[in-house]
Protein backbone atom coordinates (compact mmCIF):
# COMPACT_ATOMS: atom_id res chain seq x y z
CA UNK A 1 0.00 0.00 0.00
CA UNK A 2 1.28 3.47 -0.85
CA UNK A 3 1.79 6.01 1.89
CA UNK A 4 2.52 9.13 -0.16
CA UNK A 5 3.62 10.56 -3.48
CA UNK A 6 5.56 13.72 -4.40
CA UNK A 7 4.64 15.31 -7.72
CA UNK A 8 6.86 18.04 -9.20
CA UNK A 9 4.85 20.91 -10.70
CA UNK A 10 5.90 23.90 -12.77
CA UNK A 11 3.74 26.51 -10.98
CA UNK A 12 3.11 25.64 -7.34
CA UNK A 13 0.45 28.31 -6.72
CA UNK A 14 -1.54 27.27 -9.81
CA UNK A 15 -1.31 23.60 -8.83
CA UNK A 16 -2.37 24.24 -5.23
CA UNK A 17 -5.46 26.10 -6.44
CA UNK A 18 -6.23 23.35 -8.96
CA UNK A 19 -5.92 20.48 -6.50
CA UNK A 20 -7.78 22.31 -3.73
CA UNK A 21 -10.75 22.59 -6.10
CA UNK A 22 -10.50 19.16 -7.74
CA UNK A 23 -10.00 17.04 -4.61
CA UNK A 24 -12.70 18.47 -2.34
CA UNK A 25 -15.48 16.29 -3.85
CA UNK A 26 -13.41 13.26 -2.87
CA UNK A 27 -13.15 14.39 0.74
CA UNK A 28 -9.49 15.37 0.36
CA UNK A 29 -9.64 18.67 2.20
CA UNK A 30 -6.67 18.73 4.59
CA UNK A 31 -3.69 20.91 3.59
CA UNK A 32 -0.22 21.13 5.09
CA UNK A 33 2.86 23.07 4.06
CA UNK A 34 6.19 21.44 4.89
CA UNK A 35 9.25 23.68 5.01
CA UNK A 36 12.12 21.77 3.44
CA UNK A 37 14.58 23.40 5.86
CA UNK A 38 13.12 21.11 8.54
CA UNK A 39 14.30 18.03 6.67
CA UNK A 40 17.68 16.72 5.58
CA UNK A 41 19.89 18.92 3.35
CA UNK A 42 18.29 19.53 -0.03
CA UNK A 43 14.79 18.49 1.02
CA UNK A 44 12.19 20.39 -1.03
CA UNK A 45 9.37 22.50 0.32
CA UNK A 46 6.17 20.49 0.01
CA UNK A 47 2.48 21.32 -0.24
CA UNK A 48 0.45 18.42 1.12
CA UNK A 49 -3.11 17.24 0.59
CA UNK A 50 -4.93 14.58 2.53
CA UNK A 51 -7.91 13.60 4.63
CA UNK A 52 -8.56 12.80 8.27
CA UNK A 53 -5.22 14.27 9.30
CA UNK A 54 -3.18 12.04 6.96
CA UNK A 55 -1.21 13.74 4.19
CA UNK A 56 -0.55 11.47 1.23
CA UNK A 57 -0.41 13.65 -1.89
CA UNK A 58 2.39 16.21 -2.04
CA UNK A 59 3.34 18.85 -4.59
CA UNK A 60 6.78 20.35 -4.95
CA UNK A 61 8.09 23.04 -7.28
CA UNK A 62 10.18 21.50 -10.01
CA UNK A 63 10.38 20.29 -13.55
CA UNK A 64 7.10 18.63 -14.43
CA UNK A 65 6.93 15.65 -16.71
CA UNK A 66 3.18 15.41 -17.14
CA UNK A 67 3.12 12.21 -19.14
CA UNK A 68 5.34 10.48 -16.58
CA UNK A 69 2.66 9.96 -13.93
CA UNK A 70 -0.88 8.69 -13.57
CA UNK A 71 -2.52 9.17 -10.17
CA UNK A 72 -5.81 7.50 -9.26
CA UNK A 73 -7.86 9.04 -6.45
CA UNK A 74 -10.48 6.96 -4.62
CA UNK A 75 -14.08 8.13 -4.91
CA UNK A 76 -16.79 6.77 -2.60
CA UNK A 77 -19.63 7.14 -5.11
CA UNK A 78 -20.43 7.81 -8.74
CA UNK A 79 -21.60 11.26 -7.67
CA UNK A 80 -18.18 11.95 -6.17
CA UNK A 81 -16.50 10.90 -9.43
CA UNK A 82 -18.80 13.20 -11.38
CA UNK A 83 -18.26 16.10 -8.95
CA UNK A 84 -14.47 15.73 -8.93
CA UNK A 85 -14.42 15.66 -12.73
CA UNK A 86 -16.61 18.78 -12.91
CA UNK A 87 -14.50 20.60 -10.31
CA UNK A 88 -11.27 19.68 -12.07
CA UNK A 89 -12.61 20.83 -15.43
CA UNK A 90 -13.80 24.12 -13.91
CA UNK A 91 -10.33 24.57 -12.37
CA UNK A 92 -8.54 24.20 -15.72
CA UNK A 93 -8.15 20.47 -16.36
CA UNK A 94 -8.22 18.96 -19.82
CA UNK A 95 -10.71 16.17 -20.43
CA UNK A 96 -9.11 12.76 -20.77
CA UNK A 97 -12.22 10.60 -20.36
CA UNK A 98 -15.67 11.73 -19.20
CA UNK A 99 -17.26 10.04 -16.19
CA UNK A 100 -18.65 6.62 -16.92
CA UNK A 101 -18.17 2.88 -16.60
CA UNK A 102 -14.83 1.43 -17.65
CA UNK A 103 -16.12 -1.92 -18.82
CA UNK A 104 -12.72 -2.97 -20.15
CA UNK A 105 -11.58 -3.23 -16.50
CA UNK A 106 -14.72 -4.42 -14.72
CA UNK A 107 -18.47 -3.80 -15.07
CA UNK A 108 -18.48 -2.07 -11.65
CA UNK A 109 -15.50 0.19 -12.39
CA UNK A 110 -16.65 3.84 -12.69
CA UNK A 111 -14.20 6.64 -13.34
CA UNK A 112 -13.37 9.97 -14.91
CA UNK A 113 -10.00 11.03 -16.30
CA UNK A 114 -8.44 14.47 -16.67
CA UNK A 115 -5.04 16.02 -17.27
CA UNK A 116 -3.94 18.55 -14.64
CA UNK A 117 -2.35 21.89 -15.63
CA UNK A 118 1.07 20.20 -16.01
CA UNK A 119 -0.36 17.34 -18.07
CA UNK A 120 -0.34 14.71 -15.31
CA UNK A 121 -2.99 12.05 -15.82
CA UNK A 122 -5.52 11.95 -12.98
CA UNK A 123 -8.28 9.44 -12.45
CA UNK A 124 -11.18 9.77 -10.03
CA UNK A 125 -12.27 6.18 -9.55
CA UNK A 126 -14.93 4.13 -7.82
CA UNK A 127 -14.19 0.44 -7.39
CA UNK A 128 -16.94 -0.63 -4.99
CA UNK A 129 -15.44 -4.07 -4.44
CA UNK A 130 -12.20 -2.44 -3.20
CA UNK A 131 -13.26 0.92 -1.79
CA UNK A 132 -15.60 -0.16 0.97
CA UNK A 133 -16.19 2.37 3.72
C-alpha atoms as a PDB file:
ATOM      1  CA  UNK A   1       0.000   0.000   0.000  1.00  0.00           C
ATOM      2  CA  UNK A   2       1.280   3.466  -0.846  1.00  0.00           C
ATOM      3  CA  UNK A   3       1.793   6.011   1.893  1.00  0.00           C
ATOM      4  CA  UNK A   4       2.515   9.135  -0.156  1.00  0.00           C
ATOM      5  CA  UNK A   5       3.623  10.560  -3.484  1.00  0.00           C
ATOM      6  CA  UNK A   6       5.560  13.723  -4.397  1.00  0.00           C
ATOM      7  CA  UNK A   7       4.635  15.307  -7.724  1.00  0.00           C
ATOM      8  CA  UNK A   8       6.861  18.045  -9.197  1.00  0.00           C
ATOM      9  CA  UNK A   9       4.852  20.910 -10.701  1.00  0.00           C
ATOM     10  CA  UNK A  10       5.896  23.902 -12.771  1.00  0.00           C
ATOM     11  CA  UNK A  11       3.740  26.510 -10.983  1.00  0.00           C
ATOM     12  CA  UNK A  12       3.105  25.643  -7.343  1.00  0.00           C
ATOM     13  CA  UNK A  13       0.448  28.313  -6.720  1.00  0.00           C
ATOM     14  CA  UNK A  14      -1.537  27.268  -9.805  1.00  0.00           C
ATOM     15  CA  UNK A  15      -1.311  23.603  -8.830  1.00  0.00           C
ATOM     16  CA  UNK A  16      -2.366  24.241  -5.226  1.00  0.00           C
ATOM     17  CA  UNK A  17      -5.456  26.101  -6.441  1.00  0.00           C
ATOM     18  CA  UNK A  18      -6.230  23.352  -8.962  1.00  0.00           C
ATOM     19  CA  UNK A  19      -5.924  20.478  -6.495  1.00  0.00           C
ATOM     20  CA  UNK A  20      -7.778  22.306  -3.731  1.00  0.00           C
ATOM     21  CA  UNK A  21     -10.749  22.587  -6.099  1.00  0.00           C
ATOM     22  CA  UNK A  22     -10.502  19.163  -7.737  1.00  0.00           C
ATOM     23  CA  UNK A  23     -10.000  17.036  -4.613  1.00  0.00           C
ATOM     24  CA  UNK A  24     -12.702  18.473  -2.337  1.00  0.00           C
ATOM     25  CA  UNK A  25     -15.484  16.295  -3.847  1.00  0.00           C
ATOM     26  CA  UNK A  26     -13.407  13.255  -2.870  1.00  0.00           C
ATOM     27  CA  UNK A  27     -13.145  14.387   0.744  1.00  0.00           C
ATOM     28  CA  UNK A  28      -9.489  15.375   0.359  1.00  0.00           C
ATOM     29  CA  UNK A  29      -9.636  18.674   2.200  1.00  0.00           C
ATOM     30  CA  UNK A  30      -6.670  18.733   4.591  1.00  0.00           C
ATOM     31  CA  UNK A  31      -3.693  20.909   3.591  1.00  0.00           C
ATOM     32  CA  UNK A  32      -0.220  21.131   5.090  1.00  0.00           C
ATOM     33  CA  UNK A  33       2.861  23.068   4.061  1.00  0.00           C
ATOM     34  CA  UNK A  34       6.190  21.440   4.887  1.00  0.00           C
ATOM     35  CA  UNK A  35       9.252  23.682   5.015  1.00  0.00           C
ATOM     36  CA  UNK A  36      12.124  21.765   3.439  1.00  0.00           C
ATOM     37  CA  UNK A  37      14.582  23.397   5.865  1.00  0.00           C
ATOM     38  CA  UNK A  38      13.119  21.107   8.538  1.00  0.00           C
ATOM     39  CA  UNK A  39      14.302  18.026   6.665  1.00  0.00           C
ATOM     40  CA  UNK A  40      17.682  16.721   5.580  1.00  0.00           C
ATOM     41  CA  UNK A  41      19.885  18.924   3.345  1.00  0.00           C
ATOM     42  CA  UNK A  42      18.289  19.526  -0.033  1.00  0.00           C
ATOM     43  CA  UNK A  43      14.787  18.489   1.025  1.00  0.00           C
ATOM     44  CA  UNK A  44      12.189  20.389  -1.032  1.00  0.00           C
ATOM     45  CA  UNK A  45       9.367  22.504   0.316  1.00  0.00           C
ATOM     46  CA  UNK A  46       6.167  20.486   0.012  1.00  0.00           C
ATOM     47  CA  UNK A  47       2.478  21.317  -0.242  1.00  0.00           C
ATOM     48  CA  UNK A  48       0.448  18.418   1.117  1.00  0.00           C
ATOM     49  CA  UNK A  49      -3.107  17.236   0.594  1.00  0.00           C
ATOM     50  CA  UNK A  50      -4.934  14.581   2.532  1.00  0.00           C
ATOM     51  CA  UNK A  51      -7.907  13.602   4.633  1.00  0.00           C
ATOM     52  CA  UNK A  52      -8.558  12.796   8.265  1.00  0.00           C
ATOM     53  CA  UNK A  53      -5.223  14.271   9.296  1.00  0.00           C
ATOM     54  CA  UNK A  54      -3.183  12.041   6.959  1.00  0.00           C
ATOM     55  CA  UNK A  55      -1.212  13.745   4.191  1.00  0.00           C
ATOM     56  CA  UNK A  56      -0.549  11.472   1.226  1.00  0.00           C
ATOM     57  CA  UNK A  57      -0.407  13.648  -1.890  1.00  0.00           C
ATOM     58  CA  UNK A  58       2.385  16.213  -2.036  1.00  0.00           C
ATOM     59  CA  UNK A  59       3.341  18.852  -4.590  1.00  0.00           C
ATOM     60  CA  UNK A  60       6.776  20.354  -4.954  1.00  0.00           C
ATOM     61  CA  UNK A  61       8.094  23.038  -7.275  1.00  0.00           C
ATOM     62  CA  UNK A  62      10.182  21.499 -10.011  1.00  0.00           C
ATOM     63  CA  UNK A  63      10.378  20.292 -13.549  1.00  0.00           C
ATOM     64  CA  UNK A  64       7.104  18.634 -14.432  1.00  0.00           C
ATOM     65  CA  UNK A  65       6.930  15.648 -16.711  1.00  0.00           C
ATOM     66  CA  UNK A  66       3.184  15.407 -17.140  1.00  0.00           C
ATOM     67  CA  UNK A  67       3.118  12.211 -19.137  1.00  0.00           C
ATOM     68  CA  UNK A  68       5.342  10.475 -16.581  1.00  0.00           C
ATOM     69  CA  UNK A  69       2.663   9.964 -13.929  1.00  0.00           C
ATOM     70  CA  UNK A  70      -0.878   8.690 -13.574  1.00  0.00           C
ATOM     71  CA  UNK A  71      -2.522   9.174 -10.171  1.00  0.00           C
ATOM     72  CA  UNK A  72      -5.809   7.504  -9.256  1.00  0.00           C
ATOM     73  CA  UNK A  73      -7.864   9.038  -6.451  1.00  0.00           C
ATOM     74  CA  UNK A  74     -10.481   6.960  -4.617  1.00  0.00           C
ATOM     75  CA  UNK A  75     -14.077   8.127  -4.908  1.00  0.00           C
ATOM     76  CA  UNK A  76     -16.786   6.775  -2.596  1.00  0.00           C
ATOM     77  CA  UNK A  77     -19.634   7.141  -5.106  1.00  0.00           C
ATOM     78  CA  UNK A  78     -20.433   7.807  -8.740  1.00  0.00           C
ATOM     79  CA  UNK A  79     -21.604  11.257  -7.671  1.00  0.00           C
ATOM     80  CA  UNK A  80     -18.184  11.953  -6.166  1.00  0.00           C
ATOM     81  CA  UNK A  81     -16.498  10.896  -9.431  1.00  0.00           C
ATOM     82  CA  UNK A  82     -18.798  13.202 -11.378  1.00  0.00           C
ATOM     83  CA  UNK A  83     -18.258  16.099  -8.950  1.00  0.00           C
ATOM     84  CA  UNK A  84     -14.467  15.728  -8.929  1.00  0.00           C
ATOM     85  CA  UNK A  85     -14.418  15.659 -12.730  1.00  0.00           C
ATOM     86  CA  UNK A  86     -16.609  18.784 -12.914  1.00  0.00           C
ATOM     87  CA  UNK A  87     -14.504  20.598 -10.307  1.00  0.00           C
ATOM     88  CA  UNK A  88     -11.267  19.680 -12.069  1.00  0.00           C
ATOM     89  CA  UNK A  89     -12.607  20.832 -15.429  1.00  0.00           C
ATOM     90  CA  UNK A  90     -13.796  24.124 -13.914  1.00  0.00           C
ATOM     91  CA  UNK A  91     -10.331  24.573 -12.366  1.00  0.00           C
ATOM     92  CA  UNK A  92      -8.544  24.200 -15.717  1.00  0.00           C
ATOM     93  CA  UNK A  93      -8.155  20.471 -16.361  1.00  0.00           C
ATOM     94  CA  UNK A  94      -8.216  18.964 -19.821  1.00  0.00           C
ATOM     95  CA  UNK A  95     -10.709  16.168 -20.429  1.00  0.00           C
ATOM     96  CA  UNK A  96      -9.105  12.761 -20.767  1.00  0.00           C
ATOM     97  CA  UNK A  97     -12.222  10.601 -20.357  1.00  0.00           C
ATOM     98  CA  UNK A  98     -15.665  11.733 -19.197  1.00  0.00           C
ATOM     99  CA  UNK A  99     -17.263  10.043 -16.189  1.00  0.00           C
ATOM    100  CA  UNK A 100     -18.649   6.616 -16.917  1.00  0.00           C
ATOM    101  CA  UNK A 101     -18.169   2.881 -16.598  1.00  0.00           C
ATOM    102  CA  UNK A 102     -14.826   1.428 -17.646  1.00  0.00           C
ATOM    103  CA  UNK A 103     -16.120  -1.924 -18.817  1.00  0.00           C
ATOM    104  CA  UNK A 104     -12.722  -2.971 -20.150  1.00  0.00           C
ATOM    105  CA  UNK A 105     -11.577  -3.232 -16.505  1.00  0.00           C
ATOM    106  CA  UNK A 106     -14.715  -4.420 -14.717  1.00  0.00           C
ATOM    107  CA  UNK A 107     -18.472  -3.797 -15.068  1.00  0.00           C
ATOM    108  CA  UNK A 108     -18.485  -2.073 -11.654  1.00  0.00           C
ATOM    109  CA  UNK A 109     -15.501   0.193 -12.387  1.00  0.00           C
ATOM    110  CA  UNK A 110     -16.649   3.837 -12.687  1.00  0.00           C
ATOM    111  CA  UNK A 111     -14.196   6.640 -13.335  1.00  0.00           C
ATOM    112  CA  UNK A 112     -13.368   9.971 -14.910  1.00  0.00           C
ATOM    113  CA  UNK A 113      -9.998  11.033 -16.302  1.00  0.00           C
ATOM    114  CA  UNK A 114      -8.437  14.473 -16.673  1.00  0.00           C
ATOM    115  CA  UNK A 115      -5.043  16.023 -17.267  1.00  0.00           C
ATOM    116  CA  UNK A 116      -3.941  18.546 -14.644  1.00  0.00           C
ATOM    117  CA  UNK A 117      -2.346  21.893 -15.632  1.00  0.00           C
ATOM    118  CA  UNK A 118       1.069  20.198 -16.011  1.00  0.00           C
ATOM    119  CA  UNK A 119      -0.363  17.339 -18.070  1.00  0.00           C
ATOM    120  CA  UNK A 120      -0.339  14.713 -15.314  1.00  0.00           C
ATOM    121  CA  UNK A 121      -2.990  12.047 -15.816  1.00  0.00           C
ATOM    122  CA  UNK A 122      -5.520  11.952 -12.976  1.00  0.00           C
ATOM    123  CA  UNK A 123      -8.280   9.439 -12.449  1.00  0.00           C
ATOM    124  CA  UNK A 124     -11.175   9.767 -10.033  1.00  0.00           C
ATOM    125  CA  UNK A 125     -12.269   6.177  -9.550  1.00  0.00           C
ATOM    126  CA  UNK A 126     -14.929   4.134  -7.816  1.00  0.00           C
ATOM    127  CA  UNK A 127     -14.187   0.437  -7.388  1.00  0.00           C
ATOM    128  CA  UNK A 128     -16.942  -0.631  -4.986  1.00  0.00           C
ATOM    129  CA  UNK A 129     -15.436  -4.075  -4.437  1.00  0.00           C
ATOM    130  CA  UNK A 130     -12.200  -2.437  -3.198  1.00  0.00           C
ATOM    131  CA  UNK A 131     -13.259   0.919  -1.787  1.00  0.00           C
ATOM    132  CA  UNK A 132     -15.600  -0.158   0.972  1.00  0.00           C
ATOM    133  CA  UNK A 133     -16.192   2.369   3.723  1.00  0.00           C
END
